[in-house]
Each structure stands twice: as C-alpha cells, then as structure tokens.
C-alpha cells in the first residue's frame, strides 16, 4: 500500500476512535456539549424572573409535574412592568434572550401520554400564531426519534427535563432520577425555543395560568 493510502487508513482509524469516545448507549440522544445543569440556571438568577407552577390532573387530584422557568435580568425587569397581564407576561417570556426551563415529573407515565401532552400544547401554540404549522409537524415527527428511549421505559417519577435557551439556540437535557443523562441535544432554530416556551404559555396551555400568576410572588 502506498504511503498516502496508509495515511488515509490511519486518519480513518483516528476518526473512528474519536467517534467511539462519544458513543452513548443506544437508548440515548447526545451531543458533545456539556449537559445543562438540572440544579440551577447557567446564568445568575434575576429577582422577579422566576415563574413556576404545579400541573395537576384534576380527575386524579395529584400533582403530575412541576415546571419552573428562570429568565435573564432584562426579561425580569419587563415582567415587573407588565404583571399581572397574562398576555404581556407570556410574550415577554417567549421572547426572552435567555431562559432556563426545569420540568420535574412527580408521577410515572407512558411515552404515549407524554407525547400527547406535547402535541396538545404545541397545537395551542400554533393556533395562537406562536409557531408555524410546519414547525408543529416537524416536532411531532421528531418526537419518536428524540424520545425513543421512553417507548419501553416510560417516564419515571423523578425524571427531569431541562432546557437552556439563548437567542436562537436551545439545548435540551433529560435526566433520570439518579442524575444519569439520557438525552442531550442542541438545536439552532428560532422556532424551537418558541415551540417550547409557547407550548407552556399559549392561551389554553396546561401551564399558562399557573405560570403567569406566579410572577412577582
């Protein structure tokens, strides 16, 4: 084999070794970026920039999940000016330059119910004009790819999903109750962040009332 051929083979082996170093179990979706912290936002928490709510299924009478959102200091200042107007609060958070979202599941559930909740709230964001129909369809198609590991496992009580949104970039990390990362994905798409925040704050969303009422508490 010519020297140039050996160089190509060695380069290929080096690339394969590097790739293997980043391979994760088959039930995970990963990028090379450090996972988003599940304990605190990656920026200083701003007074007045925190929203939170407990989502309760009325029929069951139990808390299903807790949702917390931290926003940057500029958005916190806007929230102080616009509360208690739900529409203005929602608009300010959806357009926040930086936000950290923390969702902790308080009950176990199935992948199907999880997907159903996402689809229902995405539809509300689309009807409110926050996202396009094309983005809604794209997310629906990608859910099985991103969260395929939940097909058999389901969601466990204590699982946590965190999002770090800055500008048009959104990073999502999924933790199991022991703190193991099962999903870590970064997207650069202005509609991705609007899809997540919009699904929480669109009119009729399961979370909107609790989140908007929590501002300033």
C-alpha atoms as a PDB file:
ATOM      1  CA  UNK A   1       0.000   0.000   0.000  1.00  0.00           C
ATOM      2  CA  UNK A   2       1.301   3.452  -0.880  1.00  0.00           C
ATOM      3  CA  UNK A   3       2.180   5.851   1.919  1.00  0.00           C
ATOM      4  CA  UNK A   4      -0.785   8.073   1.047  1.00  0.00           C
ATOM      5  CA  UNK A   5      -3.049   5.048   1.424  1.00  0.00           C
ATOM      6  CA  UNK A   6      -1.716   4.293   4.909  1.00  0.00           C
ATOM      7  CA  UNK A   7      -2.206   7.919   5.885  1.00  0.00           C
ATOM      8  CA  UNK A   8      -5.861   7.696   4.866  1.00  0.00           C
ATOM      9  CA  UNK A   9      -6.330   4.447   6.816  1.00  0.00           C
ATOM     10  CA  UNK A  10      -4.710   5.880   9.939  1.00  0.00           C
ATOM     11  CA  UNK A  11      -6.788   9.048   9.652  1.00  0.00           C
ATOM     12  CA  UNK A  12      -9.913   6.926   9.383  1.00  0.00           C
ATOM     13  CA  UNK A  13      -8.954   4.885  12.450  1.00  0.00           C
ATOM     14  CA  UNK A  14      -8.294   8.070  14.420  1.00  0.00           C
ATOM     15  CA  UNK A  15     -11.690   9.464  13.440  1.00  0.00           C
ATOM     16  CA  UNK A  16     -13.394   6.211  14.405  1.00  0.00           C
ATOM     17  CA  UNK A  17     -11.635   6.196  17.790  1.00  0.00           C
ATOM     18  CA  UNK A  18     -12.751   9.770  18.434  1.00  0.00           C
ATOM     19  CA  UNK A  19     -16.320   8.897  17.463  1.00  0.00           C
ATOM     20  CA  UNK A  20     -16.351   5.865  19.768  1.00  0.00           C
ATOM     21  CA  UNK A  21     -15.287   8.069  22.654  1.00  0.00           C
ATOM     22  CA  UNK A  22     -18.543   9.945  22.283  1.00  0.00           C
ATOM     23  CA  UNK A  23     -20.848   6.995  21.607  1.00  0.00           C
ATOM     24  CA  UNK A  24     -23.582   6.570  24.171  1.00  0.00           C
ATOM     25  CA  UNK A  25     -25.931   3.664  24.852  1.00  0.00           C
ATOM     26  CA  UNK A  26     -28.452   3.037  22.079  1.00  0.00           C
ATOM     27  CA  UNK A  27     -31.285   4.496  24.154  1.00  0.00           C
ATOM     28  CA  UNK A  28     -29.800   7.994  24.311  1.00  0.00           C
ATOM     29  CA  UNK A  29     -29.549  11.011  22.010  1.00  0.00           C
ATOM     30  CA  UNK A  30     -26.401  13.019  22.660  1.00  0.00           C
ATOM     31  CA  UNK A  31     -24.204  15.880  21.512  1.00  0.00           C
ATOM     32  CA  UNK A  32     -20.675  16.673  22.664  1.00  0.00           C
ATOM     33  CA  UNK A  33     -21.771  19.718  24.628  1.00  0.00           C
ATOM     34  CA  UNK A  34     -21.834  19.586  28.399  1.00  0.00           C
ATOM     35  CA  UNK A  35     -25.357  18.769  29.628  1.00  0.00           C
ATOM     36  CA  UNK A  36     -27.479  21.570  31.013  1.00  0.00           C
ATOM     37  CA  UNK A  37     -27.404  21.673  34.818  1.00  0.00           C
ATOM     38  CA  UNK A  38     -30.525  20.207  36.354  1.00  0.00           C
ATOM     39  CA  UNK A  39     -29.986  22.143  39.592  1.00  0.00           C
ATOM     40  CA  UNK A  40     -29.552  25.780  38.589  1.00  0.00           C
ATOM     41  CA  UNK A  41     -29.620  28.052  35.535  1.00  0.00           C
ATOM     42  CA  UNK A  42     -26.336  28.711  33.705  1.00  0.00           C
ATOM     43  CA  UNK A  43     -26.746  32.444  34.333  1.00  0.00           C
ATOM     44  CA  UNK A  44     -27.358  34.496  37.510  1.00  0.00           C
ATOM     45  CA  UNK A  45     -30.972  34.182  38.639  1.00  0.00           C
ATOM     46  CA  UNK A  46     -32.667  37.578  38.457  1.00  0.00           C
ATOM     47  CA  UNK A  47     -35.108  38.743  41.151  1.00  0.00           C
ATOM     48  CA  UNK A  48     -38.590  38.674  39.649  1.00  0.00           C
ATOM     49  CA  UNK A  49     -37.513  36.485  36.739  1.00  0.00           C
ATOM     50  CA  UNK A  50     -38.842  33.200  38.112  1.00  0.00           C
ATOM     51  CA  UNK A  51     -42.108  31.522  37.093  1.00  0.00           C
ATOM     52  CA  UNK A  52     -43.352  28.213  38.490  1.00  0.00           C
ATOM     53  CA  UNK A  53     -46.409  26.000  38.581  1.00  0.00           C
ATOM     54  CA  UNK A  54     -47.536  22.554  39.641  1.00  0.00           C
ATOM     55  CA  UNK A  55     -49.509  20.712  36.982  1.00  0.00           C
ATOM     56  CA  UNK A  56     -52.315  18.674  38.484  1.00  0.00           C
ATOM     57  CA  UNK A  57     -54.632  16.275  36.742  1.00  0.00           C
ATOM     58  CA  UNK A  58     -57.976  17.287  38.257  1.00  0.00           C
ATOM     59  CA  UNK A  59     -59.523  13.828  37.926  1.00  0.00           C
ATOM     60  CA  UNK A  60     -56.648  12.200  39.807  1.00  0.00           C
ATOM     61  CA  UNK A  61     -56.243  15.059  42.255  1.00  0.00           C
ATOM     62  CA  UNK A  62     -52.460  14.638  42.331  1.00  0.00           C
ATOM     63  CA  UNK A  63     -49.505  16.698  41.154  1.00  0.00           C
ATOM     64  CA  UNK A  64     -48.100  15.295  37.916  1.00  0.00           C
ATOM     65  CA  UNK A  65     -45.135  17.615  37.343  1.00  0.00           C
ATOM     66  CA  UNK A  66     -43.513  20.828  38.486  1.00  0.00           C
ATOM     67  CA  UNK A  67     -42.439  23.421  35.936  1.00  0.00           C
ATOM     68  CA  UNK A  68     -40.011  26.255  36.707  1.00  0.00           C
ATOM     69  CA  UNK A  69     -38.699  28.928  34.335  1.00  0.00           C
ATOM     70  CA  UNK A  70     -35.857  31.342  35.070  1.00  0.00           C
ATOM     71  CA  UNK A  71     -35.299  34.326  32.778  1.00  0.00           C
ATOM     72  CA  UNK A  72     -32.488  36.825  32.250  1.00  0.00           C
ATOM     73  CA  UNK A  73     -32.367  40.126  34.134  1.00  0.00           C
ATOM     74  CA  UNK A  74     -33.732  42.163  31.217  1.00  0.00           C
ATOM     75  CA  UNK A  75     -36.797  39.950  30.952  1.00  0.00           C
ATOM     76  CA  UNK A  76     -37.245  40.045  34.725  1.00  0.00           C
ATOM     77  CA  UNK A  77     -37.416  43.846  34.532  1.00  0.00           C
ATOM     78  CA  UNK A  78     -40.064  43.597  31.806  1.00  0.00           C
ATOM     79  CA  UNK A  79     -42.110  41.168  33.881  1.00  0.00           C
ATOM     80  CA  UNK A  80     -42.158  43.639  36.761  1.00  0.00           C
ATOM     81  CA  UNK A  81     -43.681  46.222  34.414  1.00  0.00           C
ATOM     82  CA  UNK A  82     -46.317  44.084  32.721  1.00  0.00           C
ATOM     83  CA  UNK A  83     -47.717  41.926  35.511  1.00  0.00           C
ATOM     84  CA  UNK A  84     -50.450  40.902  36.109  1.00  0.00           C
ATOM     85  CA  UNK A  85     -51.332  40.882  32.373  1.00  0.00           C
ATOM     86  CA  UNK A  86     -51.081  37.215  31.215  1.00  0.00           C
ATOM     87  CA  UNK A  87     -50.663  38.099  27.531  1.00  0.00           C
ATOM     88  CA  UNK A  88     -47.809  40.522  28.215  1.00  0.00           C
ATOM     89  CA  UNK A  89     -46.119  38.130  30.637  1.00  0.00           C
ATOM     90  CA  UNK A  90     -46.327  35.316  28.100  1.00  0.00           C
ATOM     91  CA  UNK A  91     -44.943  37.459  25.282  1.00  0.00           C
ATOM     92  CA  UNK A  92     -42.017  38.641  27.423  1.00  0.00           C
ATOM     93  CA  UNK A  93     -41.019  35.102  28.435  1.00  0.00           C
ATOM     94  CA  UNK A  94     -41.418  33.623  24.925  1.00  0.00           C
ATOM     95  CA  UNK A  95     -39.095  36.319  23.543  1.00  0.00           C
ATOM     96  CA  UNK A  96     -36.621  36.220  26.465  1.00  0.00           C
ATOM     97  CA  UNK A  97     -33.000  36.449  25.261  1.00  0.00           C
ATOM     98  CA  UNK A  98     -32.101  33.757  27.774  1.00  0.00           C
ATOM     99  CA  UNK A  99     -34.167  31.284  29.762  1.00  0.00           C
ATOM    100  CA  UNK A 100     -33.722  28.064  31.724  1.00  0.00           C
ATOM    101  CA  UNK A 101     -36.649  25.662  31.970  1.00  0.00           C
ATOM    102  CA  UNK A 102     -36.796  22.895  34.592  1.00  0.00           C
ATOM    103  CA  UNK A 103     -39.514  20.248  34.416  1.00  0.00           C
ATOM    104  CA  UNK A 104     -39.623  17.530  37.079  1.00  0.00           C
ATOM    105  CA  UNK A 105     -42.070  14.647  36.793  1.00  0.00           C
ATOM    106  CA  UNK A 106     -43.780  13.780  40.068  1.00  0.00           C
ATOM    107  CA  UNK A 107     -45.554  10.702  38.736  1.00  0.00           C
ATOM    108  CA  UNK A 108     -44.564   7.962  36.327  1.00  0.00           C
ATOM    109  CA  UNK A 109     -46.320   7.940  32.966  1.00  0.00           C
ATOM    110  CA  UNK A 110     -46.072   6.430  29.494  1.00  0.00           C
ATOM    111  CA  UNK A 111     -44.352   7.713  26.388  1.00  0.00           C
ATOM    112  CA  UNK A 112     -47.755   7.959  24.702  1.00  0.00           C
ATOM    113  CA  UNK A 113     -49.221  10.257  27.349  1.00  0.00           C
ATOM    114  CA  UNK A 114     -46.057  12.369  27.306  1.00  0.00           C
ATOM    115  CA  UNK A 115     -46.269  12.759  23.527  1.00  0.00           C
ATOM    116  CA  UNK A 116     -49.976  13.502  23.769  1.00  0.00           C
ATOM    117  CA  UNK A 117     -49.367  16.372  26.162  1.00  0.00           C
ATOM    118  CA  UNK A 118     -46.649  17.816  23.928  1.00  0.00           C
ATOM    119  CA  UNK A 119     -48.868  17.606  20.849  1.00  0.00           C
ATOM    120  CA  UNK A 120     -51.854  19.197  22.594  1.00  0.00           C
ATOM    121  CA  UNK A 121     -49.860  22.178  23.834  1.00  0.00           C
ATOM    122  CA  UNK A 122     -47.969  22.572  20.533  1.00  0.00           C
ATOM    123  CA  UNK A 123     -51.338  22.795  18.784  1.00  0.00           C
ATOM    124  CA  UNK A 124     -52.338  25.608  21.145  1.00  0.00           C
ATOM    125  CA  UNK A 125     -49.087  27.435  20.370  1.00  0.00           C
ATOM    126  CA  UNK A 126     -49.753  27.019  16.655  1.00  0.00           C
ATOM    127  CA  UNK A 127     -53.334  28.280  16.957  1.00  0.00           C
ATOM    128  CA  UNK A 128     -52.023  31.322  18.835  1.00  0.00           C
ATOM    129  CA  UNK A 129     -49.600  32.063  15.979  1.00  0.00           C
ATOM    130  CA  UNK A 130     -46.526  31.466  18.149  1.00  0.00           C
ATOM    131  CA  UNK A 131     -45.213  28.675  15.900  1.00  0.00           C
ATOM    132  CA  UNK A 132     -45.932  27.705  12.302  1.00  0.00           C
ATOM    133  CA  UNK A 133     -47.850  24.595  11.236  1.00  0.00           C
ATOM    134  CA  UNK A 134     -44.635  23.377   9.595  1.00  0.00           C
ATOM    135  CA  UNK A 135     -42.746  23.521  12.896  1.00  0.00           C
ATOM    136  CA  UNK A 136     -45.561  21.724  14.689  1.00  0.00           C
ATOM    137  CA  UNK A 137     -45.432  18.879  12.141  1.00  0.00           C
ATOM    138  CA  UNK A 138     -41.632  18.743  12.317  1.00  0.00           C
ATOM    139  CA  UNK A 139     -41.605  18.357  16.091  1.00  0.00           C
ATOM    140  CA  UNK A 140     -44.338  15.717  16.007  1.00  0.00           C
ATOM    141  CA  UNK A 141     -42.290  13.715  13.504  1.00  0.00           C
ATOM    142  CA  UNK A 142     -39.090  14.043  15.546  1.00  0.00           C
ATOM    143  CA  UNK A 143     -40.542  13.041  18.919  1.00  0.00           C
ATOM    144  CA  UNK A 144     -40.116   9.266  18.389  1.00  0.00           C
ATOM    145  CA  UNK A 145     -36.508   9.841  17.296  1.00  0.00           C
ATOM    146  CA  UNK A 146     -35.615  12.055  20.244  1.00  0.00           C
ATOM    147  CA  UNK A 147     -37.521  10.182  22.932  1.00  0.00           C
ATOM    148  CA  UNK A 148     -37.443   6.662  21.562  1.00  0.00           C
ATOM    149  CA  UNK A 149     -35.802   5.504  24.784  1.00  0.00           C
ATOM    150  CA  UNK A 150     -39.117   6.140  26.561  1.00  0.00           C
ATOM    151  CA  UNK A 151     -41.020   3.567  24.476  1.00  0.00           C
ATOM    152  CA  UNK A 152     -40.385   0.707  26.907  1.00  0.00           C
ATOM    153  CA  UNK A 153     -39.017   2.623  29.879  1.00  0.00           C
ATOM    154  CA  UNK A 154     -41.686   5.304  30.082  1.00  0.00           C
ATOM    155  CA  UNK A 155     -41.249   8.385  32.238  1.00  0.00           C
ATOM    156  CA  UNK A 156     -40.308   7.729  35.850  1.00  0.00           C
ATOM    157  CA  UNK A 157     -41.200   9.821  38.872  1.00  0.00           C
ATOM    158  CA  UNK A 158     -38.140  11.983  39.479  1.00  0.00           C
ATOM    159  CA  UNK A 159     -37.128  12.326  35.812  1.00  0.00           C
ATOM    160  CA  UNK A 160     -36.101  15.872  34.901  1.00  0.00           C
ATOM    161  CA  UNK A 161     -36.011  17.709  31.569  1.00  0.00           C
ATOM    162  CA  UNK A 162     -34.082  20.982  31.397  1.00  0.00           C
ATOM    163  CA  UNK A 163     -33.805  23.474  28.558  1.00  0.00           C
ATOM    164  CA  UNK A 164     -31.247  26.238  28.167  1.00  0.00           C
ATOM    165  CA  UNK A 165     -32.423  28.816  25.658  1.00  0.00           C
ATOM    166  CA  UNK A 166     -30.157  31.620  24.471  1.00  0.00           C
ATOM    167  CA  UNK A 167     -31.026  33.527  21.335  1.00  0.00           C
ATOM    168  CA  UNK A 168     -31.861  31.056  18.578  1.00  0.00           C
ATOM    169  CA  UNK A 169     -30.021  28.175  20.302  1.00  0.00           C
ATOM    170  CA  UNK A 170     -31.778  25.673  22.568  1.00  0.00           C
ATOM    171  CA  UNK A 171     -30.159  22.793  24.424  1.00  0.00           C
ATOM    172  CA  UNK A 172     -32.264  20.025  25.953  1.00  0.00           C
ATOM    173  CA  UNK A 173     -31.043  17.540  28.577  1.00  0.00           C
ATOM    174  CA  UNK A 174     -33.066  14.663  30.038  1.00  0.00           C
ATOM    175  CA  UNK A 175     -32.014  13.187  33.404  1.00  0.00           C
ATOM    176  CA  UNK A 176     -33.214  10.056  35.124  1.00  0.00           C
ATOM    177  CA  UNK A 177     -33.864  10.184  38.909  1.00  0.00           C
ATOM    178  CA  UNK A 178     -30.248   9.194  39.642  1.00  0.00           C
ATOM    179  CA  UNK A 179     -28.860  12.042  37.535  1.00  0.00           C
ATOM    180  CA  UNK A 180     -27.836   9.953  34.516  1.00  0.00           C
ATOM    181  CA  UNK A 181     -28.133  11.856  31.225  1.00  0.00           C
ATOM    182  CA  UNK A 182     -30.409  10.026  28.774  1.00  0.00           C
ATOM    183  CA  UNK A 183     -30.771  12.800  26.210  1.00  0.00           C
ATOM    184  CA  UNK A 184     -28.644  15.836  25.373  1.00  0.00           C
ATOM    185  CA  UNK A 185     -29.333  17.706  22.168  1.00  0.00           C
ATOM    186  CA  UNK A 186     -28.578  21.212  20.900  1.00  0.00           C
ATOM    187  CA  UNK A 187     -30.637  22.892  18.199  1.00  0.00           C
ATOM    188  CA  UNK A 188     -30.158  26.211  16.459  1.00  0.00           C
ATOM    189  CA  UNK A 189     -33.621  27.134  15.310  1.00  0.00           C
ATOM    190  CA  UNK A 190     -35.598  30.243  16.296  1.00  0.00           C
ATOM    191  CA  UNK A 191     -38.834  28.240  16.267  1.00  0.00           C
ATOM    192  CA  UNK A 192     -37.517  25.529  18.591  1.00  0.00           C
ATOM    193  CA  UNK A 193     -37.388  27.911  21.549  1.00  0.00           C
ATOM    194  CA  UNK A 194     -40.765  29.393  20.619  1.00  0.00           C
ATOM    195  CA  UNK A 195     -42.213  25.896  20.431  1.00  0.00           C
ATOM    196  CA  UNK A 196     -41.100  25.029  23.967  1.00  0.00           C
ATOM    197  CA  UNK A 197     -41.905  28.325  25.684  1.00  0.00           C
ATOM    198  CA  UNK A 198     -45.009  28.847  23.562  1.00  0.00           C
ATOM    199  CA  UNK A 199     -46.415  25.445  24.472  1.00  0.00           C
ATOM    200  CA  UNK A 200     -46.259  26.475  28.146  1.00  0.00           C
ATOM    201  CA  UNK A 201     -47.629  29.978  27.714  1.00  0.00           C
ATOM    202  CA  UNK A 202     -50.058  29.894  24.792  1.00  0.00           C
ATOM    203  CA  UNK A 203     -53.717  30.607  25.637  1.00  0.00           C
ATOM    204  CA  UNK A 204     -55.301  27.391  26.863  1.00  0.00           C
ATOM    205  CA  UNK A 205     -51.992  25.718  27.696  1.00  0.00           C
ATOM    206  CA  UNK A 206     -51.973  23.424  30.718  1.00  0.00           C
ATOM    207  CA  UNK A 207     -49.336  25.648  32.356  1.00  0.00           C
ATOM    208  CA  UNK A 208     -50.161  29.225  31.355  1.00  0.00           C
ATOM    209  CA  UNK A 209     -52.418  30.216  34.254  1.00  0.00           C
ATOM    210  CA  UNK A 210     -50.151  28.887  36.966  1.00  0.00           C
ATOM    211  CA  UNK A 211     -47.015  30.367  35.413  1.00  0.00           C
ATOM    212  CA  UNK A 212     -48.396  33.839  34.780  1.00  0.00           C
ATOM    213  CA  UNK A 213     -49.950  34.053  38.248  1.00  0.00           C
ATOM    214  CA  UNK A 214     -46.627  33.123  39.858  1.00  0.00           C
ATOM    215  CA  UNK A 215     -44.770  36.208  38.592  1.00  0.00           C
ATOM    216  CA  UNK A 216     -43.837  38.529  41.439  1.00  0.00           C
ATOM    217  CA  UNK A 217     -44.691  36.103  44.235  1.00  0.00           C
END
